N, C-alpha and C. Protein backbone atom coordinates (compact mmCIF):
# COMPACT_ATOMS: atom_id res chain seq x y z
N UNK A 1 29.14 9.47 -21.68
CA UNK A 1 28.04 10.33 -21.57
C UNK A 1 27.26 10.03 -20.30
N UNK A 2 26.79 8.77 -20.22
CA UNK A 2 25.89 8.27 -19.10
C UNK A 2 26.56 8.54 -17.88
N UNK A 3 27.85 8.10 -17.67
CA UNK A 3 28.38 8.12 -16.42
C UNK A 3 28.66 9.62 -16.04
N UNK A 4 28.84 10.44 -16.94
CA UNK A 4 28.84 11.79 -16.49
C UNK A 4 27.59 12.53 -15.95
N UNK A 5 26.51 12.01 -16.71
CA UNK A 5 25.15 12.21 -16.08
C UNK A 5 24.87 11.57 -14.72
N UNK A 6 25.34 10.49 -14.44
CA UNK A 6 25.29 9.77 -13.11
C UNK A 6 26.12 10.57 -12.08
N UNK A 7 27.37 10.93 -12.56
CA UNK A 7 28.02 11.84 -11.46
C UNK A 7 27.47 13.08 -11.12
N UNK A 8 26.77 13.69 -12.09
CA UNK A 8 26.30 15.01 -11.97
C UNK A 8 25.00 14.85 -11.02
N UNK A 9 24.16 13.74 -11.15
CA UNK A 9 23.03 13.53 -10.37
C UNK A 9 23.44 13.17 -9.03
N UNK A 10 24.52 12.49 -8.80
CA UNK A 10 24.98 12.22 -7.42
C UNK A 10 25.43 13.44 -6.76
N UNK A 11 26.08 14.32 -7.47
CA UNK A 11 26.64 15.47 -6.78
C UNK A 11 25.50 16.59 -6.61
N UNK A 12 24.67 16.71 -7.44
CA UNK A 12 23.33 17.64 -7.26
C UNK A 12 22.35 17.10 -6.09
N UNK A 13 22.53 15.86 -5.71
CA UNK A 13 21.53 15.14 -4.82
C UNK A 13 20.26 14.57 -5.49
N UNK A 14 20.17 14.58 -6.92
CA UNK A 14 19.10 14.11 -7.60
C UNK A 14 19.03 12.67 -7.34
N UNK A 15 20.11 11.85 -7.22
CA UNK A 15 19.96 10.40 -7.18
C UNK A 15 19.24 10.03 -5.73
N UNK A 16 19.50 10.81 -4.73
CA UNK A 16 18.76 10.63 -3.38
C UNK A 16 17.41 11.03 -3.41
N UNK A 17 16.78 11.99 -4.18
CA UNK A 17 15.47 12.29 -4.50
C UNK A 17 14.78 11.15 -5.22
N UNK A 18 15.50 10.74 -6.43
CA UNK A 18 15.02 9.58 -7.18
C UNK A 18 14.70 8.31 -6.35
N UNK A 19 15.69 7.89 -5.46
CA UNK A 19 15.53 6.79 -4.66
C UNK A 19 14.35 6.94 -3.69
N UNK A 20 14.37 8.26 -3.03
CA UNK A 20 13.28 8.46 -2.05
C UNK A 20 11.97 8.20 -2.89
N UNK A 21 11.80 8.80 -4.04
CA UNK A 21 10.46 8.64 -4.68
C UNK A 21 10.24 7.11 -5.08
N UNK A 22 11.18 6.33 -5.44
CA UNK A 22 11.10 4.83 -5.68
C UNK A 22 10.56 4.13 -4.35
N UNK A 23 11.29 4.39 -3.28
CA UNK A 23 10.86 3.90 -1.96
C UNK A 23 9.63 4.16 -1.65
N UNK A 24 9.09 5.57 -1.81
CA UNK A 24 7.69 5.78 -1.47
C UNK A 24 6.81 4.97 -2.36
N UNK A 25 6.96 4.99 -3.71
CA UNK A 25 6.12 4.26 -4.57
C UNK A 25 6.11 2.73 -4.26
N UNK A 26 7.04 2.21 -3.88
CA UNK A 26 7.25 0.75 -3.52
C UNK A 26 6.54 0.48 -2.25
N UNK A 27 6.45 1.60 -1.41
CA UNK A 27 5.83 1.40 0.09
C UNK A 27 4.23 1.39 -0.17
N UNK A 28 3.65 1.98 -1.26
CA UNK A 28 2.31 2.07 -1.41
C UNK A 28 1.78 1.05 -2.09
N UNK A 29 2.60 -0.08 -2.40
CA UNK A 29 2.11 -1.30 -3.25
C UNK A 29 2.60 -2.59 -2.72
N UNK A 30 1.87 -3.63 -2.61
CA UNK A 30 2.34 -4.89 -2.19
C UNK A 30 1.72 -5.90 -3.07
N UNK A 31 1.78 -7.24 -2.72
CA UNK A 31 1.43 -8.24 -3.71
C UNK A 31 -0.09 -8.19 -3.99
N UNK A 32 -0.90 -7.65 -3.14
CA UNK A 32 -2.41 -7.51 -3.48
C UNK A 32 -2.73 -6.19 -4.04
N UNK A 33 -1.85 -5.40 -4.40
CA UNK A 33 -2.14 -4.24 -5.14
C UNK A 33 -1.89 -2.98 -4.32
N UNK A 34 -2.47 -1.91 -4.70
CA UNK A 34 -2.08 -0.59 -4.01
C UNK A 34 -2.57 -0.50 -2.73
N UNK A 35 -2.04 0.05 -1.78
CA UNK A 35 -2.48 0.13 -0.43
C UNK A 35 -2.79 1.46 0.10
N UNK A 36 -2.83 2.51 -0.82
CA UNK A 36 -3.41 3.69 -0.53
C UNK A 36 -4.77 3.98 -1.35
N UNK A 37 -5.66 4.70 -0.63
CA UNK A 37 -6.99 4.93 -1.21
C UNK A 37 -7.11 5.60 -2.60
N UNK A 38 -6.03 6.40 -2.83
CA UNK A 38 -6.28 7.24 -4.10
C UNK A 38 -5.80 6.53 -5.40
N UNK A 39 -5.42 5.43 -5.25
CA UNK A 39 -4.92 4.61 -6.50
C UNK A 39 -5.70 3.47 -6.64
N UNK A 40 -5.99 3.01 -7.87
CA UNK A 40 -6.90 1.98 -8.34
C UNK A 40 -6.17 0.57 -8.58
N UNK A 41 -6.69 -0.47 -8.23
CA UNK A 41 -6.09 -1.80 -8.59
C UNK A 41 -6.90 -2.03 -9.89
N UNK A 42 -6.46 -3.13 -10.72
CA UNK A 42 -7.04 -3.39 -12.06
C UNK A 42 -8.42 -4.00 -11.90
N UNK A 43 -8.84 -4.67 -10.75
CA UNK A 43 -10.08 -5.09 -10.46
C UNK A 43 -11.05 -4.03 -10.28
N UNK A 44 -10.66 -2.90 -9.73
CA UNK A 44 -11.42 -1.86 -9.39
C UNK A 44 -11.88 -1.22 -10.97
N UNK A 45 -10.88 -1.05 -11.69
CA UNK A 45 -11.16 -0.50 -13.08
C UNK A 45 -11.98 -1.46 -14.14
N UNK A 46 -11.74 -2.72 -13.74
CA UNK A 46 -12.52 -3.72 -14.51
C UNK A 46 -14.08 -3.52 -14.06
N UNK A 47 -14.28 -3.44 -12.94
CA UNK A 47 -15.53 -3.35 -12.26
C UNK A 47 -16.18 -2.22 -12.87
N UNK A 48 -15.43 -1.00 -13.03
CA UNK A 48 -16.09 0.19 -13.54
C UNK A 48 -16.26 0.00 -15.09
N UNK A 49 -15.49 -0.58 -15.78
CA UNK A 49 -15.86 -0.94 -17.28
C UNK A 49 -16.99 -1.78 -17.53
N UNK A 50 -17.39 -2.69 -16.52
CA UNK A 50 -18.31 -3.68 -16.67
C UNK A 50 -19.70 -2.81 -16.50
N UNK A 51 -19.77 -1.85 -15.47
CA UNK A 51 -20.71 -1.13 -15.15
C UNK A 51 -21.16 -0.05 -16.35
N UNK A 52 -20.27 0.33 -17.05
CA UNK A 52 -20.45 1.17 -18.26
C UNK A 52 -21.24 0.68 -19.42
N UNK A 53 -21.27 -0.55 -19.52
CA UNK A 53 -21.67 -1.24 -20.57
C UNK A 53 -23.36 -1.09 -20.66
């Protein structure tokens, strides 16, 4: 069953789209956290939580 789904995804081009999305996501992240301004690192969220107390 899973092989059939994989073959269908390859034929329809969905695998390429999925790989592109993964590459984009991985390109927006490095060892220091997110590299784009619209995403938050955990230290940002922790600072927000501390201010709310």
